[in-house]
PDB file of all heavy atoms in Angstrom:
ATOM      1  N   ASP A   1     217.618 124.863  83.597  1.00  0.00           N
ATOM      2  CA  ASP A   1     218.850 124.973  84.385  1.00  0.00           C
ATOM      3  C   ASP A   1     219.179 126.424  84.745  1.00  0.00           C
ATOM      4  O   ASP A   1     219.350 126.743  85.877  1.00  0.00           O
ATOM      5  CB  ASP A   1     220.018 124.261  83.715  1.00  0.00           C
ATOM      6  CG  ASP A   1     220.214 124.678  82.290  1.00  0.00           C
ATOM      7  OD1 ASP A   1     219.666 125.679  81.869  1.00  0.00           O
ATOM      8  OD2 ASP A   1     220.975 123.955  81.549  1.00  0.00           O
ATOM      9  N   SER A   2     219.267 127.280  83.698  1.00  0.00           N
ATOM     10  CA  SER A   2     219.611 128.682  84.003  1.00  0.00           C
ATOM     11  C   SER A   2     218.427 129.605  83.698  1.00  0.00           C
ATOM     12  O   SER A   2     217.639 129.356  82.748  1.00  0.00           O
ATOM     13  CB  SER A   2     220.788 129.180  83.213  1.00  0.00           C
ATOM     14  OG  SER A   2     221.945 128.424  83.527  1.00  0.00           O
ATOM     15  N   MET A   3     218.195 130.647  84.496  1.00  0.00           N
ATOM     16  CA  MET A   3     217.240 131.680  84.230  1.00  0.00           C
ATOM     17  C   MET A   3     217.902 133.049  84.459  1.00  0.00           C
ATOM     18  O   MET A   3     218.891 133.140  85.221  1.00  0.00           O
ATOM     19  CB  MET A   3     216.058 131.588  85.139  1.00  0.00           C
ATOM     20  CG  MET A   3     215.238 130.282  84.905  1.00  0.00           C
ATOM     21  SD  MET A   3     213.665 130.254  85.813  1.00  0.00           S
ATOM     22  CE  MET A   3     212.677 131.316  84.766  1.00  0.00           C
ATOM     23  N   GLY A   4     217.403 134.086  83.919  1.00  0.00           N
ATOM     24  CA  GLY A   4     217.999 135.343  84.023  1.00  0.00           C
ATOM     25  C   GLY A   4     217.287 136.495  83.372  1.00  0.00           C
ATOM     26  O   GLY A   4     216.149 136.269  82.893  1.00  0.00           O
ATOM     27  N   TRP A   5     217.965 137.624  83.310  1.00  0.00           N
ATOM     28  CA  TRP A   5     217.403 138.826  82.755  1.00  0.00           C
ATOM     29  C   TRP A   5     218.445 139.493  81.828  1.00  0.00           C
ATOM     30  O   TRP A   5     219.562 139.627  82.188  1.00  0.00           O
ATOM     31  CB  TRP A   5     217.066 139.823  83.866  1.00  0.00           C
ATOM     32  CG  TRP A   5     215.945 139.324  84.777  1.00  0.00           C
ATOM     33  CD1 TRP A   5     216.109 138.604  85.897  1.00  0.00           C
ATOM     34  CD2 TRP A   5     214.554 139.472  84.598  1.00  0.00           C
ATOM     35  NE1 TRP A   5     214.857 138.273  86.436  1.00  0.00           N
ATOM     36  CE2 TRP A   5     213.907 138.812  85.611  1.00  0.00           C
ATOM     37  CE3 TRP A   5     213.789 140.131  83.585  1.00  0.00           C
ATOM     38  CZ2 TRP A   5     212.524 138.773  85.787  1.00  0.00           C
ATOM     39  CZ3 TRP A   5     212.412 140.070  83.719  1.00  0.00           C
ATOM     40  CH2 TRP A   5     211.844 139.467  84.807  1.00  0.00           C
ATOM     41  N   TYR A   6     217.921 139.967  80.716  1.00  0.00           N
ATOM     42  CA  TYR A   6     218.682 140.800  79.789  1.00  0.00           C
ATOM     43  C   TYR A   6     217.881 142.114  79.592  1.00  0.00           C
ATOM     44  O   TYR A   6     216.682 142.179  79.931  1.00  0.00           O
ATOM     45  CB  TYR A   6     218.848 140.168  78.409  1.00  0.00           C
ATOM     46  CG  TYR A   6     219.856 138.993  78.468  1.00  0.00           C
ATOM     47  CD1 TYR A   6     219.512 137.755  79.086  1.00  0.00           C
ATOM     48  CD2 TYR A   6     221.083 139.091  77.831  1.00  0.00           C
ATOM     49  CE1 TYR A   6     220.371 136.723  79.086  1.00  0.00           C
ATOM     50  CE2 TYR A   6     221.960 138.057  77.867  1.00  0.00           C
ATOM     51  CZ  TYR A   6     221.625 136.841  78.524  1.00  0.00           C
ATOM     52  OH  TYR A   6     222.546 135.772  78.513  1.00  0.00           O
ATOM     53  N   ARG A   7     218.506 143.123  79.073  1.00  0.00           N
ATOM     54  CA  ARG A   7     217.798 144.358  78.804  1.00  0.00           C
ATOM     55  C   ARG A   7     218.350 144.998  77.547  1.00  0.00           C
ATOM     56  O   ARG A   7     219.453 144.757  77.038  1.00  0.00           O
ATOM     57  CB  ARG A   7     217.952 145.354  79.967  1.00  0.00           C
ATOM     58  CG  ARG A   7     219.379 145.871  80.179  1.00  0.00           C
ATOM     59  CD  ARG A   7     219.394 146.710  81.473  1.00  0.00           C
ATOM     60  NE  ARG A   7     220.745 147.302  81.667  1.00  0.00           N
ATOM     61  CZ  ARG A   7     221.114 147.898  82.790  1.00  0.00           C
ATOM     62  NH1 ARG A   7     220.215 148.087  83.816  1.00  0.00           N
ATOM     63  NH2 ARG A   7     222.290 148.466  82.960  1.00  0.00           N
ATOM     64  N   GLN A   8     217.500 145.829  76.919  1.00  0.00           N
ATOM     65  CA  GLN A   8     217.820 146.515  75.712  1.00  0.00           C
ATOM     66  C   GLN A   8     217.300 147.940  75.796  1.00  0.00           C
ATOM     67  O   GLN A   8     216.098 148.205  75.944  1.00  0.00           O
ATOM     68  CB  GLN A   8     217.245 145.813  74.480  1.00  0.00           C
ATOM     69  CG  GLN A   8     217.782 146.467  73.189  1.00  0.00           C
ATOM     70  CD  GLN A   8     217.458 145.584  71.906  1.00  0.00           C
ATOM     71  OE1 GLN A   8     216.609 144.715  72.007  1.00  0.00           O
ATOM     72  NE2 GLN A   8     218.138 145.833  70.870  1.00  0.00           N
ATOM     73  N   ALA A   9     218.205 148.903  75.769  1.00  0.00           N
ATOM     74  CA  ALA A   9     217.917 150.330  75.837  1.00  0.00           C
ATOM     75  C   ALA A   9     217.784 150.878  74.356  1.00  0.00           C
ATOM     76  O   ALA A   9     218.318 150.234  73.451  1.00  0.00           O
ATOM     77  CB  ALA A   9     218.967 151.133  76.556  1.00  0.00           C
ATOM     78  N   PRO A  10     217.093 151.972  74.216  1.00  0.00           N
ATOM     79  CA  PRO A  10     216.891 152.516  72.841  1.00  0.00           C
ATOM     80  C   PRO A  10     218.270 152.807  72.184  1.00  0.00           C
ATOM     81  O   PRO A  10     219.187 153.361  72.790  1.00  0.00           O
ATOM     82  CB  PRO A  10     216.157 153.832  73.104  1.00  0.00           C
ATOM     83  CG  PRO A  10     215.407 153.641  74.325  1.00  0.00           C
ATOM     84  CD  PRO A  10     216.335 152.779  75.215  1.00  0.00           C
ATOM     85  N   GLY A  11     218.453 152.311  70.984  1.00  0.00           N
ATOM     86  CA  GLY A  11     219.660 152.535  70.194  1.00  0.00           C
ATOM     87  C   GLY A  11     220.786 151.684  70.627  1.00  0.00           C
ATOM     88  O   GLY A  11     221.876 151.921  70.096  1.00  0.00           O
ATOM     89  N   LYS A  12     220.623 150.732  71.529  1.00  0.00           N
ATOM     90  CA  LYS A  12     221.681 149.891  72.020  1.00  0.00           C
ATOM     91  C   LYS A  12     221.369 148.398  71.838  1.00  0.00           C
ATOM     92  O   LYS A  12     220.232 148.008  71.698  1.00  0.00           O
ATOM     93  CB  LYS A  12     222.032 150.129  73.485  1.00  0.00           C
ATOM     94  CG  LYS A  12     222.488 151.548  73.736  1.00  0.00           C
ATOM     95  CD  LYS A  12     222.880 151.794  75.201  1.00  0.00           C
ATOM     96  CE  LYS A  12     223.440 153.135  75.469  1.00  0.00           C
ATOM     97  NZ  LYS A  12     223.719 153.288  76.927  1.00  0.00           N
ATOM     98  N   GLN A  13     222.344 147.571  71.867  1.00  0.00           N
ATOM     99  CA  GLN A  13     222.181 146.121  71.795  1.00  0.00           C
ATOM    100  C   GLN A  13     221.733 145.599  73.087  1.00  0.00           C
ATOM    101  O   GLN A  13     221.963 146.103  74.165  1.00  0.00           O
ATOM    102  CB  GLN A  13     223.528 145.445  71.301  1.00  0.00           C
ATOM    103  CG  GLN A  13     223.952 145.830  69.901  1.00  0.00           C
ATOM    104  CD  GLN A  13     225.162 145.016  69.540  1.00  0.00           C
ATOM    105  OE1 GLN A  13     225.735 144.244  70.289  1.00  0.00           O
ATOM    106  NE2 GLN A  13     225.546 145.207  68.215  1.00  0.00           N
ATOM    107  N   ARG A  14     221.100 144.392  73.067  1.00  0.00           N
ATOM    108  CA  ARG A  14     220.701 143.705  74.300  1.00  0.00           C
ATOM    109  C   ARG A  14     221.900 143.252  75.040  1.00  0.00           C
ATOM    110  O   ARG A  14     222.897 142.826  74.466  1.00  0.00           O
ATOM    111  CB  ARG A  14     219.861 142.396  73.841  1.00  0.00           C
ATOM    112  CG  ARG A  14     219.264 141.657  75.010  1.00  0.00           C
ATOM    113  CD  ARG A  14     218.478 140.436  74.514  1.00  0.00           C
ATOM    114  NE  ARG A  14     219.386 139.536  73.788  1.00  0.00           N
ATOM    115  CZ  ARG A  14     218.922 138.448  73.108  1.00  0.00           C
ATOM    116  NH1 ARG A  14     217.633 138.183  73.146  1.00  0.00           N
ATOM    117  NH2 ARG A  14     219.715 137.684  72.457  1.00  0.00           N
ATOM    118  N   GLU A  15     221.794 143.445  76.357  1.00  0.00           N
ATOM    119  CA  GLU A  15     222.962 143.067  77.215  1.00  0.00           C
ATOM    120  C   GLU A  15     222.483 142.241  78.431  1.00  0.00           C
ATOM    121  O   GLU A  15     221.364 142.378  78.881  1.00  0.00           O
ATOM    122  CB  GLU A  15     223.626 144.402  77.693  1.00  0.00           C
ATOM    123  CG  GLU A  15     222.806 145.210  78.630  1.00  0.00           C
ATOM    124  CD  GLU A  15     223.530 146.458  79.140  1.00  0.00           C
ATOM    125  OE1 GLU A  15     224.699 146.588  78.902  1.00  0.00           O
ATOM    126  OE2 GLU A  15     222.901 147.317  79.848  1.00  0.00           O
ATOM    127  N   LEU A  16     223.374 141.472  78.924  1.00  0.00           N
ATOM    128  CA  LEU A  16     223.152 140.653  80.089  1.00  0.00           C
ATOM    129  C   LEU A  16     222.976 141.544  81.324  1.00  0.00           C
ATOM    130  O   LEU A  16     223.808 142.455  81.571  1.00  0.00           O
ATOM    131  CB  LEU A  16     224.275 139.627  80.331  1.00  0.00           C
ATOM    132  CG  LEU A  16     224.239 138.898  81.670  1.00  0.00           C
ATOM    133  CD1 LEU A  16     223.132 137.928  81.665  1.00  0.00           C
ATOM    134  CD2 LEU A  16     225.598 138.168  81.884  1.00  0.00           C
ATOM    135  N   VAL A  17     221.996 141.250  82.233  1.00  0.00           N
ATOM    136  CA  VAL A  17     221.869 141.947  83.518  1.00  0.00           C
ATOM    137  C   VAL A  17     222.288 140.989  84.592  1.00  0.00           C
ATOM    138  O   VAL A  17     223.146 141.313  85.427  1.00  0.00           O
ATOM    139  CB  VAL A  17     220.427 142.377  83.676  1.00  0.00           C
ATOM    140  CG1 VAL A  17     220.296 143.063  85.030  1.00  0.00           C
ATOM    141  CG2 VAL A  17     220.024 143.397  82.596  1.00  0.00           C
ATOM    142  N   ALA A  18     221.634 139.818  84.596  1.00  0.00           N
ATOM    143  CA  ALA A  18     221.943 138.859  85.715  1.00  0.00           C
ATOM    144  C   ALA A  18     221.444 137.481  85.308  1.00  0.00           C
ATOM    145  O   ALA A  18     220.484 137.317  84.619  1.00  0.00           O
ATOM    146  CB  ALA A  18     221.262 139.287  87.069  1.00  0.00           C
ATOM    147  N   LEU A  19     222.189 136.442  85.776  1.00  0.00           N
ATOM    148  CA  LEU A  19     221.851 135.046  85.554  1.00  0.00           C
ATOM    149  C   LEU A  19     221.831 134.297  86.841  1.00  0.00           C
ATOM    150  O   LEU A  19     222.652 134.697  87.746  1.00  0.00           O
ATOM    151  CB  LEU A  19     222.775 134.366  84.617  1.00  0.00           C
ATOM    152  CG  LEU A  19     222.733 134.840  83.130  1.00  0.00           C
ATOM    153  CD1 LEU A  19     223.816 134.139  82.295  1.00  0.00           C
ATOM    154  CD2 LEU A  19     221.433 134.513  82.468  1.00  0.00           C
ATOM    155  N   ILE A  20     221.058 133.272  87.045  1.00  0.00           N
ATOM    156  CA  ILE A  20     221.104 132.391  88.160  1.00  0.00           C
ATOM    157  C   ILE A  20     220.912 130.931  87.774  1.00  0.00           C
ATOM    158  O   ILE A  20     220.021 130.664  86.961  1.00  0.00           O
ATOM    159  CB  ILE A  20     220.035 132.868  89.214  1.00  0.00           C
ATOM    160  CG1 ILE A  20     220.137 132.025  90.472  1.00  0.00           C
ATOM    161  CG2 ILE A  20     218.662 132.791  88.634  1.00  0.00           C
ATOM    162  CD1 ILE A  20     219.346 132.634  91.662  1.00  0.00           C
ATOM    163  N   SER A  21     221.710 130.091  88.344  1.00  0.00           N
ATOM    164  CA  SER A  21     221.615 128.659  88.039  1.00  0.00           C
ATOM    165  C   SER A  21     220.582 128.009  88.934  1.00  0.00           C
ATOM    166  O   SER A  21     220.085 128.655  89.906  1.00  0.00           O
ATOM    167  CB  SER A  21     222.995 127.963  88.210  1.00  0.00           C
ATOM    168  OG  SER A  21     223.325 127.938  89.589  1.00  0.00           O
ATOM    169  N   THR A  22     220.269 126.748  88.649  1.00  0.00           N
ATOM    170  CA  THR A  22     219.375 126.012  89.535  1.00  0.00           C
ATOM    171  C   THR A  22     219.794 125.937  90.907  1.00  0.00           C
ATOM    172  O   THR A  22     219.077 125.961  91.895  1.00  0.00           O
ATOM    173  CB  THR A  22     219.097 124.615  88.954  1.00  0.00           C
ATOM    174  OG1 THR A  22     218.580 124.703  87.599  1.00  0.00           O
ATOM    175  CG2 THR A  22     218.128 123.841  89.822  1.00  0.00           C
ATOM    176  N   GLY A  23     221.165 125.775  91.115  1.00  0.00           N
ATOM    177  CA  GLY A  23     221.749 125.717  92.438  1.00  0.00           C
ATOM    178  C   GLY A  23     221.927 127.062  93.119  1.00  0.00           C
ATOM    179  O   GLY A  23     222.390 127.074  94.228  1.00  0.00           O
ATOM    180  N   GLY A  24     221.607 128.199  92.425  1.00  0.00           N
ATOM    181  CA  GLY A  24     221.681 129.457  93.074  1.00  0.00           C
ATOM    182  C   GLY A  24     222.885 130.307  92.816  1.00  0.00           C
ATOM    183  O   GLY A  24     223.041 131.348  93.381  1.00  0.00           O
ATOM    184  N   ARG A  25     223.783 129.797  91.943  1.00  0.00           N
ATOM    185  CA  ARG A  25     225.009 130.609  91.570  1.00  0.00           C
ATOM    186  C   ARG A  25     224.551 131.758  90.650  1.00  0.00           C
ATOM    187  O   ARG A  25     223.727 131.531  89.745  1.00  0.00           O
ATOM    188  CB  ARG A  25     226.058 129.750  90.966  1.00  0.00           C
ATOM    189  CG  ARG A  25     226.615 128.707  91.907  1.00  0.00           C
ATOM    190  CD  ARG A  25     227.777 128.039  91.297  1.00  0.00           C
ATOM    191  NE  ARG A  25     228.354 127.059  92.252  1.00  0.00           N
ATOM    192  CZ  ARG A  25     229.549 126.392  92.033  1.00  0.00           C
ATOM    193  NH1 ARG A  25     230.205 126.532  90.894  1.00  0.00           N
ATOM    194  NH2 ARG A  25     229.900 125.522  92.949  1.00  0.00           N
ATOM    195  N   THR A  26     225.147 132.921  90.879  1.00  0.00           N
ATOM    196  CA  THR A  26     224.675 134.155  90.186  1.00  0.00           C
ATOM    197  C   THR A  26     225.882 134.783  89.416  1.00  0.00           C
ATOM    198  O   THR A  26     227.022 134.723  89.792  1.00  0.00           O
ATOM    199  CB  THR A  26     224.013 135.145  91.080  1.00  0.00           C
ATOM    200  OG1 THR A  26     224.989 135.465  92.114  1.00  0.00           O
ATOM    201  CG2 THR A  26     222.848 134.538  91.739  1.00  0.00           C
ATOM    202  N   ASN A  27     225.484 135.531  88.366  1.00  0.00           N
ATOM    203  CA  ASN A  27     226.401 136.442  87.662  1.00  0.00           C
ATOM    204  C   ASN A  27     225.712 137.713  87.387  1.00  0.00           C
ATOM    205  O   ASN A  27     224.469 137.701  87.014  1.00  0.00           O
ATOM    206  CB  ASN A  27     226.832 135.810  86.346  1.00  0.00           C
ATOM    207  CG  ASN A  27     227.771 134.634  86.475  1.00  0.00           C
ATOM    208  OD1 ASN A  27     228.750 134.710  87.200  1.00  0.00           O
ATOM    209  ND2 ASN A  27     227.457 133.549  85.838  1.00  0.00           N
ATOM    210  N   PHE A  28     226.372 138.820  87.519  1.00  0.00           N
ATOM    211  CA  PHE A  28     225.789 140.112  87.363  1.00  0.00           C
ATOM    212  C   PHE A  28     226.695 141.024  86.416  1.00  0.00           C
ATOM    213  O   PHE A  28     227.893 140.862  86.412  1.00  0.00           O
ATOM    214  CB  PHE A  28     225.699 140.940  88.667  1.00  0.00           C
ATOM    215  CG  PHE A  28     224.717 140.390  89.624  1.00  0.00           C
ATOM    216  CD1 PHE A  28     225.117 139.467  90.579  1.00  0.00           C
ATOM    217  CD2 PHE A  28     223.368 140.713  89.548  1.00  0.00           C
ATOM    218  CE1 PHE A  28     224.267 138.921  91.472  1.00  0.00           C
ATOM    219  CE2 PHE A  28     222.445 140.179  90.514  1.00  0.00           C
ATOM    220  CZ  PHE A  28     222.912 139.244  91.417  1.00  0.00           C
ATOM    221  N   ALA A  29     226.018 141.881  85.631  1.00  0.00           N
ATOM    222  CA  ALA A  29     226.730 142.871  84.890  1.00  0.00           C
ATOM    223  C   ALA A  29     227.386 143.824  85.876  1.00  0.00           C
ATOM    224  O   ALA A  29     226.839 144.120  86.964  1.00  0.00           O
ATOM    225  CB  ALA A  29     225.809 143.639  83.931  1.00  0.00           C
ATOM    226  N   ASP A  30     228.570 144.283  85.538  1.00  0.00           N
ATOM    227  CA  ASP A  30     229.274 145.261  86.460  1.00  0.00           C
ATOM    228  C   ASP A  30     228.457 146.499  86.704  1.00  0.00           C
ATOM    229  O   ASP A  30     228.479 147.062  87.841  1.00  0.00           O
ATOM    230  CB  ASP A  30     230.557 145.692  85.801  1.00  0.00           C
ATOM    231  CG  ASP A  30     231.655 144.568  85.775  1.00  0.00           C
ATOM    232  OD1 ASP A  30     231.489 143.606  86.592  1.00  0.00           O
ATOM    233  OD2 ASP A  30     232.594 144.721  84.994  1.00  0.00           O
ATOM    234  N   SER A  31     227.621 146.944  85.803  1.00  0.00           N
ATOM    235  CA  SER A  31     226.874 148.113  85.991  1.00  0.00           C
ATOM    236  C   SER A  31     225.756 147.986  87.022  1.00  0.00           C
ATOM    237  O   SER A  31     225.235 149.041  87.465  1.00  0.00           O
ATOM    238  CB  SER A  31     226.262 148.561  84.670  1.00  0.00           C
ATOM    239  OG  SER A  31     225.437 147.576  84.154  1.00  0.00           O
ATOM    240  N   VAL A  32     225.396 146.785  87.401  1.00  0.00           N
ATOM    241  CA  VAL A  32     224.327 146.647  88.316  1.00  0.00           C
ATOM    242  C   VAL A  32     224.763 145.960  89.631  1.00  0.00           C
ATOM    243  O   VAL A  32     223.937 145.819  90.617  1.00  0.00           O
ATOM    244  CB  VAL A  32     223.179 145.788  87.783  1.00  0.00           C
ATOM    245  CG1 VAL A  32     222.658 146.431  86.495  1.00  0.00           C
ATOM    246  CG2 VAL A  32     223.560 144.371  87.519  1.00  0.00           C
ATOM    247  N   LYS A  33     226.016 145.561  89.759  1.00  0.00           N
ATOM    248  CA  LYS A  33     226.492 144.923  90.924  1.00  0.00           C
ATOM    249  C   LYS A  33     226.308 145.878  92.231  1.00  0.00           C
ATOM    250  O   LYS A  33     226.646 147.028  92.092  1.00  0.00           O
ATOM    251  CB  LYS A  33     227.974 144.552  90.827  1.00  0.00           C
ATOM    252  CG  LYS A  33     228.237 143.362  89.895  1.00  0.00           C
ATOM    253  CD  LYS A  33     229.702 143.034  89.828  1.00  0.00           C
ATOM    254  CE  LYS A  33     229.939 141.766  88.973  1.00  0.00           C
ATOM    255  NZ  LYS A  33     231.395 141.460  88.819  1.00  0.00           N
ATOM    256  N   GLY A  34     225.811 145.288  93.271  1.00  0.00           N
ATOM    257  CA  GLY A  34     225.610 146.073  94.436  1.00  0.00           C
ATOM    258  C   GLY A  34     224.210 146.785  94.479  1.00  0.00           C
ATOM    259  O   GLY A  34     223.797 147.223  95.530  1.00  0.00           O
ATOM    260  N   ARG A  35     223.536 146.756  93.343  1.00  0.00           N
ATOM    261  CA  ARG A  35     222.255 147.399  93.321  1.00  0.00           C
ATOM    262  C   ARG A  35     221.075 146.408  92.992  1.00  0.00           C
ATOM    263  O   ARG A  35     219.998 146.646  93.503  1.00  0.00           O
ATOM    264  CB  ARG A  35     222.232 148.470  92.242  1.00  0.00           C
ATOM    265  CG  ARG A  35     223.228 149.585  92.513  1.00  0.00           C
ATOM    266  CD  ARG A  35     222.982 150.753  91.511  1.00  0.00           C
ATOM    267  NE  ARG A  35     223.200 150.383  90.131  1.00  0.00           N
ATOM    268  CZ  ARG A  35     222.264 150.417  89.144  1.00  0.00           C
ATOM    269  NH1 ARG A  35     221.041 150.976  89.421  1.00  0.00           N
ATOM    270  NH2 ARG A  35     222.593 150.099  87.923  1.00  0.00           N
ATOM    271  N   PHE A  36     221.361 145.377  92.256  1.00  0.00           N
ATOM    272  CA  PHE A  36     220.340 144.415  91.802  1.00  0.00           C
ATOM    273  C   PHE A  36     220.603 143.080  92.486  1.00  0.00           C
ATOM    274  O   PHE A  36     221.795 142.700  92.702  1.00  0.00           O
ATOM    275  CB  PHE A  36     220.390 144.252  90.269  1.00  0.00           C
ATOM    276  CG  PHE A  36     219.902 145.371  89.461  1.00  0.00           C
ATOM    277  CD1 PHE A  36     219.646 146.602  89.986  1.00  0.00           C
ATOM    278  CD2 PHE A  36     219.627 145.218  88.120  1.00  0.00           C
ATOM    279  CE1 PHE A  36     219.232 147.662  89.223  1.00  0.00           C
ATOM    280  CE2 PHE A  36     219.231 146.226  87.289  1.00  0.00           C
ATOM    281  CZ  PHE A  36     218.994 147.509  87.887  1.00  0.00           C
ATOM    282  N   THR A  37     219.524 142.343  92.716  1.00  0.00           N
ATOM    283  CA  THR A  37     219.651 140.990  93.287  1.00  0.00           C
ATOM    284  C   THR A  37     218.740 140.074  92.437  1.00  0.00           C
ATOM    285  O   THR A  37     217.589 140.448  92.141  1.00  0.00           O
ATOM    286  CB  THR A  37     219.186 140.951  94.756  1.00  0.00           C
ATOM    287  OG1 THR A  37     219.999 141.828  95.576  1.00  0.00           O
ATOM    288  CG2 THR A  37     219.255 139.549  95.285  1.00  0.00           C
ATOM    289  N   ILE A  38     219.240 138.904  92.112  1.00  0.00           N
ATOM    290  CA  ILE A  38     218.423 137.914  91.371  1.00  0.00           C
ATOM    291  C   ILE A  38     218.197 136.734  92.251  1.00  0.00           C
ATOM    292  O   ILE A  38     219.062 136.311  93.052  1.00  0.00           O
ATOM    293  CB  ILE A  38     219.157 137.525  90.045  1.00  0.00           C
ATOM    294  CG1 ILE A  38     218.205 136.622  89.225  1.00  0.00           C
ATOM    295  CG2 ILE A  38     220.481 136.757  90.385  1.00  0.00           C
ATOM    296  CD1 ILE A  38     218.712 136.450  87.795  1.00  0.00           C
ATOM    297  N   SER A  39     216.980 136.132  92.203  1.00  0.00           N
ATOM    298  CA  SER A  39     216.657 134.966  92.946  1.00  0.00           C
ATOM    299  C   SER A  39     215.619 134.142  92.139  1.00  0.00           C
ATOM    300  O   SER A  39     215.114 134.518  91.098  1.00  0.00           O
ATOM    301  CB  SER A  39     216.034 135.352  94.292  1.00  0.00           C
ATOM    302  OG  SER A  39     214.882 136.119  94.139  1.00  0.00           O
ATOM    303  N   ARG A  40     215.389 132.892  92.579  1.00  0.00           N
ATOM    304  CA  ARG A  40     214.456 132.050  91.847  1.00  0.00           C
ATOM    305  C   ARG A  40     213.740 131.060  92.816  1.00  0.00           C
ATOM    306  O   ARG A  40     214.232 130.746  93.862  1.00  0.00           O
ATOM    307  CB  ARG A  40     215.145 131.269  90.718  1.00  0.00           C
ATOM    308  CG  ARG A  40     216.193 130.237  91.191  1.00  0.00           C
ATOM    309  CD  ARG A  40     216.943 129.696  90.039  1.00  0.00           C
ATOM    310  NE  ARG A  40     216.193 128.778  89.179  1.00  0.00           N
ATOM    311  CZ  ARG A  40     216.531 128.279  88.013  1.00  0.00           C
ATOM    312  NH1 ARG A  40     217.749 128.589  87.578  1.00  0.00           N
ATOM    313  NH2 ARG A  40     215.719 127.476  87.348  1.00  0.00           N
ATOM    314  N   ASP A  41     212.612 130.654  92.297  1.00  0.00           N
ATOM    315  CA  ASP A  41     211.872 129.533  92.984  1.00  0.00           C
ATOM    316  C   ASP A  41     211.796 128.370  91.989  1.00  0.00           C
ATOM    317  O   ASP A  41     211.016 128.438  90.999  1.00  0.00           O
ATOM    318  CB  ASP A  41     210.479 130.016  93.347  1.00  0.00           C
ATOM    319  CG  ASP A  41     209.698 129.047  94.162  1.00  0.00           C
ATOM    320  OD1 ASP A  41     209.893 127.827  93.979  1.00  0.00           O
ATOM    321  OD2 ASP A  41     208.750 129.438  94.922  1.00  0.00           O
ATOM    322  N   ASN A  42     212.608 127.365  92.188  1.00  0.00           N
ATOM    323  CA  ASN A  42     212.682 126.265  91.213  1.00  0.00           C
ATOM    324  C   ASN A  42     211.382 125.522  91.105  1.00  0.00           C
ATOM    325  O   ASN A  42     211.033 125.108  89.992  1.00  0.00           O
ATOM    326  CB  ASN A  42     213.825 125.272  91.616  1.00  0.00           C
ATOM    327  CG  ASN A  42     215.182 125.876  91.465  1.00  0.00           C
ATOM    328  OD1 ASN A  42     215.377 126.838  90.675  1.00  0.00           O
ATOM    329  ND2 ASN A  42     216.128 125.366  92.279  1.00  0.00           N
ATOM    330  N   ALA A  43     210.707 125.337  92.186  1.00  0.00           N
ATOM    331  CA  ALA A  43     209.389 124.639  92.151  1.00  0.00           C
ATOM    332  C   ALA A  43     208.360 125.356  91.338  1.00  0.00           C
ATOM    333  O   ALA A  43     207.499 124.685  90.717  1.00  0.00           O
ATOM    334  CB  ALA A  43     208.869 124.448  93.559  1.00  0.00           C
ATOM    335  N   LYS A  44     208.455 126.668  91.191  1.00  0.00           N
ATOM    336  CA  LYS A  44     207.495 127.456  90.434  1.00  0.00           C
ATOM    337  C   LYS A  44     208.040 127.899  89.040  1.00  0.00           C
ATOM    338  O   LYS A  44     207.337 128.588  88.330  1.00  0.00           O
ATOM    339  CB  LYS A  44     207.064 128.707  91.182  1.00  0.00           C
ATOM    340  CG  LYS A  44     206.342 128.418  92.504  1.00  0.00           C
ATOM    341  CD  LYS A  44     206.002 129.672  93.216  1.00  0.00           C
ATOM    342  CE  LYS A  44     205.210 129.412  94.473  1.00  0.00           C
ATOM    343  NZ  LYS A  44     204.789 130.670  95.209  1.00  0.00           N
ATOM    344  N   ASN A  45     209.283 127.507  88.740  1.00  0.00           N
ATOM    345  CA  ASN A  45     209.945 127.932  87.507  1.00  0.00           C
ATOM    346  C   ASN A  45     209.888 129.464  87.334  1.00  0.00           C
ATOM    347  O   ASN A  45     209.580 129.961  86.314  1.00  0.00           O
ATOM    348  CB  ASN A  45     209.341 127.223  86.276  1.00  0.00           C
ATOM    349  CG  ASN A  45     209.749 125.792  86.202  1.00  0.00           C
ATOM    350  OD1 ASN A  45     210.859 125.387  86.486  1.00  0.00           O
ATOM    351  ND2 ASN A  45     208.742 124.965  85.895  1.00  0.00           N
ATOM    352  N   THR A  46     210.139 130.138  88.401  1.00  0.00           N
ATOM    353  CA  THR A  46     210.042 131.568  88.476  1.00  0.00           C
ATOM    354  C   THR A  46     211.306 132.242  88.887  1.00  0.00           C
ATOM    355  O   THR A  46     212.038 131.750  89.844  1.00  0.00           O
ATOM    356  CB  THR A  46     208.951 131.966  89.460  1.00  0.00           C
ATOM    357  OG1 THR A  46     207.663 131.428  89.001  1.00  0.00           O
ATOM    358  CG2 THR A  46     208.771 133.545  89.484  1.00  0.00           C
TER     359      THR A  46
END
C-alpha cells in the first residue's frame, strides 16, 4: 500500500524523507519540499 524513503545521517536518528500511497498521494519532510519528488510504478512494485 505505501512505499517511501527514510534517511539517517551520521550521529542522527532516522527520519522520514517522503512517502507515497498506491493512489499517488504523497508526504514530504519540510526540509526537502520543493527539491525532491517521489513517484512509483505499482505494476513493478518500484
